[in-house]
Amino acid sequence: MSMDRELPAGEWYETAETVLKQYKQELLDAPLPEPLEKLLAERQKNISRKQL
């Protein structure tokens, strides 16, 4: 946790936020493993049925 000593609080927060946004985007862009894709598709079907 030495980062907070090197950067002012505001800069540290912005840096952390930027890194998290990039990481989240990479996760969202990554292809899902096949079983997960099927599971997600099945779940979407179930959700759609419940909304009708």
C-alpha atoms as a PDB file:
ATOM      1  CA  MET A   1       0.000   0.000   0.000  1.00  0.00           C
ATOM      2  CA  SER A   2       2.873   2.373  -0.668  1.00  0.00           C
ATOM      3  CA  MET A   3       1.005   3.961  -3.579  1.00  0.00           C
ATOM      4  CA  ASP A   4      -0.846   6.419  -1.355  1.00  0.00           C
ATOM      5  CA  ARG A   5       2.489   7.897  -0.271  1.00  0.00           C
ATOM      6  CA  GLU A   6       3.665   8.410  -3.839  1.00  0.00           C
ATOM      7  CA  LEU A   7       0.559  10.040  -5.307  1.00  0.00           C
ATOM      8  CA  PRO A   8      -1.817  12.658  -3.897  1.00  0.00           C
ATOM      9  CA  ALA A   9      -5.156  11.145  -2.874  1.00  0.00           C
ATOM     10  CA  GLY A  10      -7.082  12.474  -5.883  1.00  0.00           C
ATOM     11  CA  GLU A  11      -4.532  11.193  -8.377  1.00  0.00           C
ATOM     12  CA  TRP A  12      -4.383   7.792  -6.673  1.00  0.00           C
ATOM     13  CA  TYR A  13      -8.168   7.514  -6.892  1.00  0.00           C
ATOM     14  CA  GLU A  14      -8.226   8.485 -10.582  1.00  0.00           C
ATOM     15  CA  THR A  15      -5.426   6.033 -11.371  1.00  0.00           C
ATOM     16  CA  ALA A  16      -7.213   3.206  -9.556  1.00  0.00           C
ATOM     17  CA  GLU A  17     -10.484   4.051 -11.283  1.00  0.00           C
ATOM     18  CA  THR A  18      -8.820   4.079 -14.713  1.00  0.00           C
ATOM     19  CA  VAL A  19      -7.134   0.725 -14.099  1.00  0.00           C
ATOM     20  CA  LEU A  20     -10.415  -0.792 -12.915  1.00  0.00           C
ATOM     21  CA  LYS A  21     -12.291   0.519 -15.973  1.00  0.00           C
ATOM     22  CA  GLN A  22      -9.657  -0.934 -18.314  1.00  0.00           C
ATOM     23  CA  TYR A  23      -9.722  -4.264 -16.470  1.00  0.00           C
ATOM     24  CA  LYS A  24     -13.525  -4.380 -16.567  1.00  0.00           C
ATOM     25  CA  GLN A  25     -13.511  -3.631 -20.306  1.00  0.00           C
ATOM     26  CA  GLU A  26     -10.963  -6.401 -20.927  1.00  0.00           C
ATOM     27  CA  LEU A  27     -13.164  -8.824 -19.002  1.00  0.00           C
ATOM     28  CA  LEU A  28     -16.255  -7.781 -20.962  1.00  0.00           C
ATOM     29  CA  ASP A  29     -14.409  -8.086 -24.284  1.00  0.00           C
ATOM     30  CA  ALA A  30     -12.977 -11.523 -23.487  1.00  0.00           C
ATOM     31  CA  PRO A  31     -14.803 -14.427 -25.125  1.00  0.00           C
ATOM     32  CA  LEU A  32     -16.736 -16.638 -22.741  1.00  0.00           C
ATOM     33  CA  PRO A  33     -15.734 -20.283 -22.398  1.00  0.00           C
ATOM     34  CA  GLU A  34     -18.188 -22.514 -24.288  1.00  0.00           C
ATOM     35  CA  PRO A  35     -20.061 -23.974 -21.251  1.00  0.00           C
ATOM     36  CA  LEU A  36     -20.543 -20.490 -19.805  1.00  0.00           C
ATOM     37  CA  GLU A  37     -21.915 -19.227 -23.103  1.00  0.00           C
ATOM     38  CA  LYS A  38     -24.508 -22.019 -23.143  1.00  0.00           C
ATOM     39  CA  LEU A  39     -25.391 -21.406 -19.511  1.00  0.00           C
ATOM     40  CA  LEU A  40     -25.859 -17.690 -20.155  1.00  0.00           C
ATOM     41  CA  ALA A  41     -28.026 -18.346 -23.209  1.00  0.00           C
ATOM     42  CA  GLU A  42     -30.193 -20.743 -21.199  1.00  0.00           C
ATOM     43  CA  ARG A  43     -30.528 -18.200 -18.418  1.00  0.00           C
ATOM     44  CA  GLN A  44     -31.548 -15.488 -20.885  1.00  0.00           C
ATOM     45  CA  LYS A  45     -34.292 -17.798 -22.203  1.00  0.00           C
ATOM     46  CA  ASN A  46     -35.565 -18.382 -18.675  1.00  0.00           C
ATOM     47  CA  ILE A  47     -35.568 -14.654 -17.923  1.00  0.00           C
ATOM     48  CA  SER A  48     -37.443 -13.941 -21.176  1.00  0.00           C
ATOM     49  CA  ARG A  49     -40.096 -16.531 -20.316  1.00  0.00           C
ATOM     50  CA  LYS A  50     -40.636 -15.029 -16.867  1.00  0.00           C
ATOM     51  CA  GLN A  51     -41.164 -11.561 -18.346  1.00  0.00           C
ATOM     52  CA  LEU A  52     -43.965 -12.721 -20.676  1.00  0.00           C
END
